[in-house]
Amino acid sequence: MAALPQHPSRATHWLLVGGLVVLLLLIGVYDEPILQFLTSTWQEALAVLGLKDYADSLQQGINGGITKRLLPAVATYAVLYLSTCFLLLRLLLPDAGQWRLALLFYAGALAMYAAIVVLNKFTGSTEWAYRLSRQLLDFVISPLPVAGLVVLFKSGLGTAVGTPPQRLP
């Protein structure tokens, strides 16, 4: 039995990249049906576990301006989208230093979002803070950071982490 190659061929690599790009676009285009499916799935799961009333009471305590959707469904959608972004970035940024910087970018953006939400909670409900946090989250859960990071790293930002700029294969 022949050993499998450790690294995918160029054609396989670009097929995976193309598939992930299409998947990202489909997740973004069909966000409403996906969120409806996730909401009904989570509602059924919570009912089976006997946690539906508890989840409903928690949901009632959340400002309707933040989300009108079931929080576990929204979180699952965000994890699905971000996981696809991370897989795509990992394929496009094989350098470990660039990959770490990309993860730090996402961690920093999500930490900033959380800080705005927490500060808004302590200072009172203000419309500008909600809008700012919402725009930041909408940016993070979009293809823009992936495209921007790839362009920045491939154009020379990689030299800042000790690696030469890379050309797209």
N, C-alpha and C. Protein backbone atom coordinates (compact mmCIF):
# COMPACT_ATOMS: atom_id res chain seq x y z
N MET A 1 0.84 -1.17 0.00
CA MET A 1 0.00 0.00 0.00
C MET A 1 0.89 1.24 0.00
N ALA A 2 0.66 2.16 -0.91
CA ALA A 2 1.49 3.35 -1.05
C ALA A 2 1.12 4.38 0.02
N ALA A 3 2.14 5.10 0.47
CA ALA A 3 1.93 6.13 1.48
C ALA A 3 1.28 7.36 0.83
N LEU A 4 0.39 7.99 1.57
CA LEU A 4 -0.26 9.20 1.07
C LEU A 4 0.70 10.38 1.18
N PRO A 5 0.66 11.31 0.24
CA PRO A 5 1.53 12.49 0.33
C PRO A 5 1.12 13.33 1.53
N GLN A 6 2.12 13.99 2.16
CA GLN A 6 1.84 14.79 3.35
C GLN A 6 1.16 16.11 3.00
N HIS A 7 1.48 16.67 1.87
CA HIS A 7 0.92 17.96 1.48
C HIS A 7 0.07 17.79 0.23
N PRO A 8 -1.06 18.47 0.19
CA PRO A 8 -1.90 18.35 -1.01
C PRO A 8 -1.22 18.99 -2.22
N SER A 9 -1.57 18.50 -3.39
CA SER A 9 -1.02 19.09 -4.60
C SER A 9 -1.58 20.50 -4.77
N ARG A 10 -0.98 21.23 -5.70
CA ARG A 10 -1.46 22.60 -5.96
C ARG A 10 -2.92 22.61 -6.38
N ALA A 11 -3.28 21.65 -7.23
CA ALA A 11 -4.66 21.59 -7.70
C ALA A 11 -5.61 21.32 -6.55
N THR A 12 -5.25 20.41 -5.67
CA THR A 12 -6.09 20.11 -4.50
C THR A 12 -6.17 21.33 -3.58
N HIS A 13 -5.02 21.98 -3.39
CA HIS A 13 -4.98 23.19 -2.56
C HIS A 13 -5.97 24.24 -3.07
N TRP A 14 -5.90 24.55 -4.34
CA TRP A 14 -6.77 25.58 -4.90
C TRP A 14 -8.23 25.13 -4.98
N LEU A 15 -8.44 23.84 -5.10
CA LEU A 15 -9.81 23.32 -5.06
C LEU A 15 -10.40 23.53 -3.66
N LEU A 16 -9.60 23.25 -2.63
CA LEU A 16 -10.05 23.50 -1.25
C LEU A 16 -10.30 24.99 -1.00
N VAL A 17 -9.38 25.83 -1.47
CA VAL A 17 -9.55 27.28 -1.31
C VAL A 17 -10.83 27.74 -2.01
N GLY A 18 -11.02 27.31 -3.25
CA GLY A 18 -12.23 27.69 -3.99
C GLY A 18 -13.49 27.20 -3.31
N GLY A 19 -13.46 25.97 -2.80
CA GLY A 19 -14.62 25.44 -2.10
C GLY A 19 -14.94 26.23 -0.85
N LEU A 20 -13.92 26.62 -0.10
CA LEU A 20 -14.15 27.42 1.11
C LEU A 20 -14.67 28.82 0.78
N VAL A 21 -14.17 29.41 -0.30
CA VAL A 21 -14.67 30.73 -0.72
C VAL A 21 -16.15 30.62 -1.08
N VAL A 22 -16.50 29.59 -1.83
CA VAL A 22 -17.91 29.39 -2.20
C VAL A 22 -18.75 29.15 -0.94
N LEU A 23 -18.24 28.34 -0.02
CA LEU A 23 -18.96 28.08 1.23
C LEU A 23 -19.18 29.36 2.01
N LEU A 24 -18.15 30.21 2.11
CA LEU A 24 -18.31 31.50 2.80
C LEU A 24 -19.40 32.35 2.16
N LEU A 25 -19.37 32.41 0.84
CA LEU A 25 -20.39 33.20 0.13
C LEU A 25 -21.78 32.63 0.36
N LEU A 26 -21.91 31.31 0.31
CA LEU A 26 -23.22 30.69 0.52
C LEU A 26 -23.73 30.91 1.95
N ILE A 27 -22.83 30.79 2.93
CA ILE A 27 -23.23 31.04 4.32
C ILE A 27 -23.72 32.47 4.47
N GLY A 28 -23.04 33.41 3.82
CA GLY A 28 -23.44 34.81 3.90
C GLY A 28 -24.74 35.10 3.17
N VAL A 29 -24.92 34.52 2.00
CA VAL A 29 -26.12 34.76 1.20
C VAL A 29 -27.35 34.11 1.85
N TYR A 30 -27.17 32.92 2.38
CA TYR A 30 -28.30 32.18 2.96
C TYR A 30 -28.30 32.24 4.49
N ASP A 31 -27.89 33.38 5.03
CA ASP A 31 -27.83 33.51 6.49
C ASP A 31 -29.20 33.37 7.15
N GLU A 32 -30.24 33.90 6.54
CA GLU A 32 -31.58 33.81 7.14
C GLU A 32 -32.07 32.36 7.25
N PRO A 33 -32.06 31.58 6.16
CA PRO A 33 -32.49 30.18 6.31
C PRO A 33 -31.59 29.39 7.26
N ILE A 34 -30.29 29.66 7.24
CA ILE A 34 -29.38 28.97 8.15
C ILE A 34 -29.73 29.31 9.59
N LEU A 35 -29.96 30.58 9.87
CA LEU A 35 -30.31 30.99 11.24
C LEU A 35 -31.66 30.43 11.66
N GLN A 36 -32.61 30.35 10.73
CA GLN A 36 -33.90 29.74 11.06
C GLN A 36 -33.74 28.26 11.39
N PHE A 37 -32.92 27.57 10.61
CA PHE A 37 -32.66 26.16 10.88
C PHE A 37 -31.98 25.97 12.23
N LEU A 38 -30.96 26.79 12.49
CA LEU A 38 -30.25 26.70 13.77
C LEU A 38 -31.16 27.03 14.95
N THR A 39 -32.04 28.02 14.76
CA THR A 39 -32.97 28.38 15.83
C THR A 39 -33.91 27.23 16.14
N SER A 40 -34.51 26.64 15.12
CA SER A 40 -35.43 25.52 15.37
C SER A 40 -34.70 24.32 15.96
N THR A 41 -33.48 24.06 15.50
CA THR A 41 -32.69 22.95 16.04
C THR A 41 -32.36 23.18 17.51
N TRP A 42 -31.93 24.41 17.84
CA TRP A 42 -31.61 24.72 19.23
C TRP A 42 -32.86 24.69 20.12
N GLN A 43 -33.98 25.18 19.60
CA GLN A 43 -35.22 25.14 20.38
C GLN A 43 -35.61 23.70 20.70
N GLU A 44 -35.50 22.81 19.71
CA GLU A 44 -35.82 21.40 19.93
C GLU A 44 -34.85 20.78 20.93
N ALA A 45 -33.57 21.07 20.78
CA ALA A 45 -32.56 20.50 21.68
C ALA A 45 -32.77 20.98 23.12
N LEU A 46 -33.06 22.26 23.27
CA LEU A 46 -33.30 22.80 24.61
C LEU A 46 -34.56 22.20 25.23
N ALA A 47 -35.58 21.98 24.40
CA ALA A 47 -36.81 21.36 24.90
C ALA A 47 -36.55 19.93 25.36
N VAL A 48 -35.79 19.17 24.57
CA VAL A 48 -35.46 17.79 24.93
C VAL A 48 -34.67 17.75 26.24
N LEU A 49 -33.77 18.72 26.42
CA LEU A 49 -32.94 18.75 27.63
C LEU A 49 -33.67 19.37 28.83
N GLY A 50 -34.90 19.87 28.59
CA GLY A 50 -35.66 20.48 29.67
C GLY A 50 -35.18 21.88 30.03
N LEU A 51 -34.49 22.53 29.10
CA LEU A 51 -33.92 23.86 29.36
C LEU A 51 -34.64 24.97 28.59
N LYS A 52 -35.75 24.65 27.94
CA LYS A 52 -36.43 25.65 27.11
C LYS A 52 -36.90 26.84 27.93
N ASP A 53 -37.54 26.60 29.09
CA ASP A 53 -38.03 27.69 29.92
C ASP A 53 -36.88 28.56 30.44
N TYR A 54 -35.80 27.90 30.83
CA TYR A 54 -34.63 28.64 31.32
C TYR A 54 -34.05 29.50 30.21
N ALA A 55 -33.90 28.95 29.00
CA ALA A 55 -33.37 29.70 27.86
C ALA A 55 -34.29 30.86 27.50
N ASP A 56 -35.60 30.62 27.55
CA ASP A 56 -36.55 31.70 27.26
C ASP A 56 -36.42 32.83 28.27
N SER A 57 -36.23 32.49 29.54
CA SER A 57 -36.10 33.54 30.56
C SER A 57 -34.81 34.33 30.37
N LEU A 58 -33.73 33.65 29.98
CA LEU A 58 -32.49 34.37 29.70
C LEU A 58 -32.64 35.27 28.48
N GLN A 59 -33.33 34.78 27.47
CA GLN A 59 -33.52 35.55 26.24
C GLN A 59 -34.36 36.80 26.51
N GLN A 60 -35.32 36.70 27.43
CA GLN A 60 -36.17 37.85 27.77
C GLN A 60 -35.38 38.97 28.40
N GLY A 61 -34.29 38.62 29.10
CA GLY A 61 -33.49 39.64 29.77
C GLY A 61 -32.53 40.37 28.86
N ILE A 62 -32.48 39.99 27.59
CA ILE A 62 -31.55 40.60 26.65
C ILE A 62 -32.26 41.72 25.90
N ASN A 63 -31.57 42.83 25.78
CA ASN A 63 -32.09 43.98 25.06
C ASN A 63 -32.46 43.56 23.63
N GLY A 64 -33.67 43.86 23.21
CA GLY A 64 -34.13 43.49 21.88
C GLY A 64 -33.34 44.15 20.77
N GLY A 65 -32.65 45.25 21.09
CA GLY A 65 -31.81 45.90 20.09
C GLY A 65 -30.56 45.09 19.78
N ILE A 66 -30.13 44.26 20.73
CA ILE A 66 -28.93 43.47 20.52
C ILE A 66 -29.23 42.29 19.61
N THR A 67 -30.21 41.51 19.96
CA THR A 67 -30.60 40.41 19.09
C THR A 67 -32.03 39.99 19.39
N LYS A 68 -32.74 39.68 18.35
CA LYS A 68 -34.09 39.15 18.50
C LYS A 68 -34.08 37.65 18.25
N ARG A 69 -32.91 37.12 17.97
CA ARG A 69 -32.75 35.70 17.67
C ARG A 69 -32.27 34.95 18.91
N LEU A 70 -32.47 33.66 18.88
CA LEU A 70 -32.00 32.80 19.96
C LEU A 70 -30.47 32.85 20.00
N LEU A 71 -29.92 33.19 21.16
CA LEU A 71 -28.47 33.37 21.28
C LEU A 71 -27.65 32.13 20.89
N PRO A 72 -28.03 30.92 21.31
CA PRO A 72 -27.23 29.76 20.86
C PRO A 72 -27.21 29.61 19.33
N ALA A 73 -28.29 29.97 18.67
CA ALA A 73 -28.33 29.88 17.20
C ALA A 73 -27.39 30.91 16.58
N VAL A 74 -27.39 32.12 17.12
CA VAL A 74 -26.51 33.17 16.61
C VAL A 74 -25.05 32.80 16.87
N ALA A 75 -24.77 32.27 18.06
CA ALA A 75 -23.40 31.86 18.38
C ALA A 75 -22.94 30.72 17.47
N THR A 76 -23.82 29.77 17.19
CA THR A 76 -23.47 28.65 16.32
C THR A 76 -23.19 29.15 14.90
N TYR A 77 -23.99 30.08 14.42
CA TYR A 77 -23.76 30.67 13.10
C TYR A 77 -22.40 31.36 13.06
N ALA A 78 -22.10 32.14 14.10
CA ALA A 78 -20.82 32.86 14.15
C ALA A 78 -19.65 31.88 14.17
N VAL A 79 -19.76 30.81 14.93
CA VAL A 79 -18.70 29.80 14.98
C VAL A 79 -18.54 29.13 13.61
N LEU A 80 -19.63 28.81 12.95
CA LEU A 80 -19.58 28.22 11.61
C LEU A 80 -18.87 29.15 10.63
N TYR A 81 -19.25 30.42 10.65
CA TYR A 81 -18.68 31.38 9.71
C TYR A 81 -17.20 31.60 10.01
N LEU A 82 -16.87 31.83 11.29
CA LEU A 82 -15.48 32.09 11.64
C LEU A 82 -14.60 30.87 11.41
N SER A 83 -15.12 29.68 11.65
CA SER A 83 -14.35 28.46 11.39
C SER A 83 -14.01 28.35 9.91
N THR A 84 -14.95 28.68 9.06
CA THR A 84 -14.69 28.65 7.62
C THR A 84 -13.64 29.69 7.25
N CYS A 85 -13.73 30.87 7.85
CA CYS A 85 -12.72 31.92 7.61
C CYS A 85 -11.34 31.45 8.05
N PHE A 86 -11.27 30.83 9.23
CA PHE A 86 -9.98 30.36 9.74
C PHE A 86 -9.39 29.26 8.85
N LEU A 87 -10.22 28.35 8.39
CA LEU A 87 -9.73 27.31 7.49
C LEU A 87 -9.19 27.92 6.20
N LEU A 88 -9.91 28.89 5.67
CA LEU A 88 -9.47 29.56 4.45
C LEU A 88 -8.15 30.30 4.68
N LEU A 89 -8.07 31.02 5.79
CA LEU A 89 -6.82 31.73 6.11
C LEU A 89 -5.67 30.75 6.29
N ARG A 90 -5.92 29.63 6.91
CA ARG A 90 -4.85 28.65 7.14
C ARG A 90 -4.32 28.11 5.81
N LEU A 91 -5.22 27.92 4.85
CA LEU A 91 -4.78 27.46 3.53
C LEU A 91 -4.02 28.55 2.77
N LEU A 92 -4.44 29.79 2.93
CA LEU A 92 -3.83 30.88 2.19
C LEU A 92 -2.60 31.46 2.88
N LEU A 93 -2.47 31.23 4.18
CA LEU A 93 -1.32 31.74 4.94
C LEU A 93 -0.60 30.57 5.61
N PRO A 94 0.20 29.85 4.86
CA PRO A 94 0.86 28.68 5.45
C PRO A 94 1.94 29.04 6.46
N ASP A 95 2.43 30.28 6.45
CA ASP A 95 3.46 30.70 7.38
C ASP A 95 2.90 30.82 8.79
N ALA A 96 3.57 30.20 9.76
CA ALA A 96 3.08 30.18 11.14
C ALA A 96 2.99 31.57 11.74
N GLY A 97 3.94 32.45 11.45
CA GLY A 97 3.91 33.81 11.99
C GLY A 97 2.72 34.60 11.47
N GLN A 98 2.45 34.48 10.19
CA GLN A 98 1.31 35.18 9.61
C GLN A 98 0.00 34.62 10.15
N TRP A 99 -0.06 33.32 10.31
CA TRP A 99 -1.26 32.67 10.85
C TRP A 99 -1.53 33.18 12.26
N ARG A 100 -0.48 33.28 13.09
CA ARG A 100 -0.64 33.79 14.46
C ARG A 100 -1.12 35.24 14.45
N LEU A 101 -0.56 36.04 13.57
CA LEU A 101 -1.01 37.44 13.47
C LEU A 101 -2.47 37.53 13.05
N ALA A 102 -2.88 36.68 12.14
CA ALA A 102 -4.29 36.67 11.71
C ALA A 102 -5.19 36.30 12.88
N LEU A 103 -4.80 35.28 13.65
CA LEU A 103 -5.59 34.90 14.82
C LEU A 103 -5.61 36.02 15.86
N LEU A 104 -4.49 36.71 16.05
CA LEU A 104 -4.44 37.84 16.98
C LEU A 104 -5.36 38.97 16.52
N PHE A 105 -5.41 39.19 15.21
CA PHE A 105 -6.32 40.21 14.68
C PHE A 105 -7.77 39.88 15.06
N TYR A 106 -8.17 38.63 14.81
CA TYR A 106 -9.54 38.23 15.14
C TYR A 106 -9.79 38.29 16.65
N ALA A 107 -8.82 37.82 17.44
CA ALA A 107 -8.98 37.85 18.90
C ALA A 107 -9.10 39.29 19.39
N GLY A 108 -8.29 40.18 18.83
CA GLY A 108 -8.35 41.59 19.21
C GLY A 108 -9.67 42.24 18.84
N ALA A 109 -10.15 41.94 17.66
CA ALA A 109 -11.43 42.50 17.22
C ALA A 109 -12.58 41.99 18.09
N LEU A 110 -12.57 40.69 18.40
CA LEU A 110 -13.63 40.14 19.25
C LEU A 110 -13.52 40.65 20.68
N ALA A 111 -12.29 40.86 21.17
CA ALA A 111 -12.10 41.42 22.51
C ALA A 111 -12.61 42.87 22.56
N MET A 112 -12.35 43.62 21.49
CA MET A 112 -12.85 45.00 21.42
C MET A 112 -14.38 45.01 21.42
N TYR A 113 -14.98 44.09 20.68
CA TYR A 113 -16.44 43.97 20.66
C TYR A 113 -16.96 43.70 22.06
N ALA A 114 -16.35 42.72 22.74
CA ALA A 114 -16.78 42.36 24.10
C ALA A 114 -16.61 43.52 25.06
N ALA A 115 -15.51 44.26 24.93
CA ALA A 115 -15.27 45.41 25.81
C ALA A 115 -16.34 46.49 25.60
N ILE A 116 -16.70 46.75 24.37
CA ILE A 116 -17.74 47.75 24.08
C ILE A 116 -19.07 47.31 24.68
N VAL A 117 -19.40 46.02 24.53
CA VAL A 117 -20.66 45.50 25.07
C VAL A 117 -20.67 45.61 26.60
N VAL A 118 -19.57 45.23 27.24
CA VAL A 118 -19.50 45.29 28.71
C VAL A 118 -19.55 46.73 29.19
N LEU A 119 -18.78 47.62 28.55
CA LEU A 119 -18.82 49.03 28.95
C LEU A 119 -20.21 49.62 28.77
N ASN A 120 -20.87 49.24 27.69
CA ASN A 120 -22.23 49.71 27.45
C ASN A 120 -23.17 49.21 28.55
N LYS A 121 -22.95 47.99 28.99
CA LYS A 121 -23.78 47.42 30.05
C LYS A 121 -23.60 48.19 31.36
N PHE A 122 -22.35 48.55 31.69
CA PHE A 122 -22.07 49.26 32.94
C PHE A 122 -22.47 50.73 32.89
N THR A 123 -22.40 51.35 31.72
CA THR A 123 -22.69 52.78 31.61
C THR A 123 -24.13 53.07 31.23
N GLY A 124 -24.88 52.06 30.93
CA GLY A 124 -26.26 52.26 30.50
C GLY A 124 -26.39 52.02 29.02
N SER A 125 -27.58 51.77 28.60
CA SER A 125 -27.82 51.44 27.21
C SER A 125 -27.74 52.69 26.34
N THR A 126 -26.69 52.77 25.54
CA THR A 126 -26.54 53.90 24.63
C THR A 126 -26.55 53.39 23.20
N GLU A 127 -27.23 54.12 22.38
CA GLU A 127 -27.41 53.71 20.98
C GLU A 127 -26.09 53.69 20.21
N TRP A 128 -25.22 54.67 20.45
CA TRP A 128 -23.98 54.71 19.68
C TRP A 128 -23.08 53.51 19.98
N ALA A 129 -23.04 53.08 21.24
CA ALA A 129 -22.20 51.93 21.61
C ALA A 129 -22.75 50.66 20.96
N TYR A 130 -24.08 50.53 20.96
CA TYR A 130 -24.69 49.36 20.32
C TYR A 130 -24.35 49.35 18.83
N ARG A 131 -24.52 50.50 18.18
CA ARG A 131 -24.25 50.56 16.73
C ARG A 131 -22.78 50.25 16.43
N LEU A 132 -21.87 50.80 17.24
CA LEU A 132 -20.45 50.56 17.03
C LEU A 132 -20.12 49.08 17.22
N SER A 133 -20.62 48.47 18.28
CA SER A 133 -20.33 47.05 18.52
C SER A 133 -20.95 46.18 17.43
N ARG A 134 -22.13 46.54 16.99
CA ARG A 134 -22.80 45.77 15.93
C ARG A 134 -22.02 45.86 14.61
N GLN A 135 -21.55 47.07 14.27
CA GLN A 135 -20.77 47.22 13.04
C GLN A 135 -19.45 46.46 13.11
N LEU A 136 -18.83 46.46 14.29
CA LEU A 136 -17.59 45.72 14.46
C LEU A 136 -17.82 44.22 14.29
N LEU A 137 -18.88 43.72 14.90
CA LEU A 137 -19.19 42.29 14.78
C LEU A 137 -19.57 41.92 13.34
N ASP A 138 -20.33 42.79 12.69
CA ASP A 138 -20.69 42.53 11.28
C ASP A 138 -19.44 42.50 10.39
N PHE A 139 -18.46 43.34 10.71
CA PHE A 139 -17.21 43.34 9.95
C PHE A 139 -16.44 42.05 10.18
N VAL A 140 -16.32 41.63 11.45
CA VAL A 140 -15.56 40.42 11.77
C VAL A 140 -16.18 39.20 11.12
N ILE A 141 -17.52 39.13 11.12
CA ILE A 141 -18.20 37.99 10.52
C ILE A 141 -18.58 38.36 9.08
N SER A 142 -17.54 38.60 8.30
CA SER A 142 -17.69 38.90 6.87
C SER A 142 -16.41 38.44 6.18
N PRO A 143 -16.41 38.39 4.86
CA PRO A 143 -15.19 37.97 4.15
C PRO A 143 -14.13 39.08 4.07
N LEU A 144 -14.45 40.29 4.48
CA LEU A 144 -13.50 41.40 4.37
C LEU A 144 -12.20 41.19 5.15
N PRO A 145 -12.25 40.74 6.41
CA PRO A 145 -10.97 40.52 7.10
C PRO A 145 -10.10 39.46 6.43
N VAL A 146 -10.72 38.41 5.92
CA VAL A 146 -9.95 37.36 5.24
C VAL A 146 -9.25 37.96 4.03
N ALA A 147 -9.99 38.67 3.20
CA ALA A 147 -9.40 39.25 2.00
C ALA A 147 -8.31 40.27 2.36
N GLY A 148 -8.59 41.11 3.34
CA GLY A 148 -7.62 42.12 3.74
C GLY A 148 -6.35 41.52 4.31
N LEU A 149 -6.48 40.52 5.16
CA LEU A 149 -5.30 39.88 5.75
C LEU A 149 -4.46 39.18 4.69
N VAL A 150 -5.10 38.49 3.77
CA VAL A 150 -4.35 37.80 2.72
C VAL A 150 -3.60 38.81 1.87
N VAL A 151 -4.25 39.89 1.47
CA VAL A 151 -3.60 40.91 0.65
C VAL A 151 -2.43 41.54 1.42
N LEU A 152 -2.65 41.89 2.68
CA LEU A 152 -1.57 42.50 3.47
C LEU A 152 -0.38 41.56 3.63
N PHE A 153 -0.64 40.32 3.97
CA PHE A 153 0.46 39.39 4.19
C PHE A 153 1.18 39.03 2.89
N LYS A 154 0.45 38.86 1.82
CA LYS A 154 1.08 38.49 0.55
C LYS A 154 1.83 39.67 -0.07
N SER A 155 1.49 40.89 0.34
CA SER A 155 2.15 42.06 -0.25
C SER A 155 3.36 42.53 0.56
N GLY A 156 3.64 41.89 1.68
CA GLY A 156 4.86 42.27 2.37
C GLY A 156 4.77 42.37 3.87
N LEU A 157 3.60 42.33 4.44
CA LEU A 157 3.50 42.43 5.89
C LEU A 157 4.15 41.23 6.56
N GLY A 158 4.31 40.13 5.83
CA GLY A 158 4.94 38.93 6.38
C GLY A 158 6.37 39.18 6.80
N THR A 159 7.03 40.18 6.22
CA THR A 159 8.41 40.47 6.61
C THR A 159 8.48 40.99 8.03
N ALA A 160 7.38 41.53 8.54
CA ALA A 160 7.37 42.03 9.91
C ALA A 160 7.44 40.90 10.92
N VAL A 161 7.09 39.69 10.53
CA VAL A 161 7.15 38.55 11.44
C VAL A 161 8.31 37.63 11.09
N GLY A 162 9.24 38.13 10.29
CA GLY A 162 10.45 37.36 10.00
C GLY A 162 10.36 36.44 8.82
N THR A 163 9.36 36.60 7.99
CA THR A 163 9.25 35.75 6.81
C THR A 163 9.17 36.63 5.58
N PRO A 164 9.69 36.17 4.47
CA PRO A 164 9.63 36.98 3.26
C PRO A 164 8.20 37.03 2.72
N PRO A 165 7.87 38.12 1.95
CA PRO A 165 6.57 38.17 1.32
C PRO A 165 6.39 36.97 0.39
N GLN A 166 5.16 36.52 0.28
CA GLN A 166 4.89 35.34 -0.55
C GLN A 166 4.01 35.72 -1.73
N ARG A 167 4.25 35.05 -2.82
CA ARG A 167 3.37 35.20 -3.96
C ARG A 167 2.29 34.13 -3.88
N LEU A 168 1.13 34.46 -4.36
CA LEU A 168 0.09 33.44 -4.42
C LEU A 168 0.52 32.40 -5.44
N PRO A 169 0.43 31.11 -5.07
CA PRO A 169 0.87 30.06 -6.02
C PRO A 169 0.03 30.02 -7.26
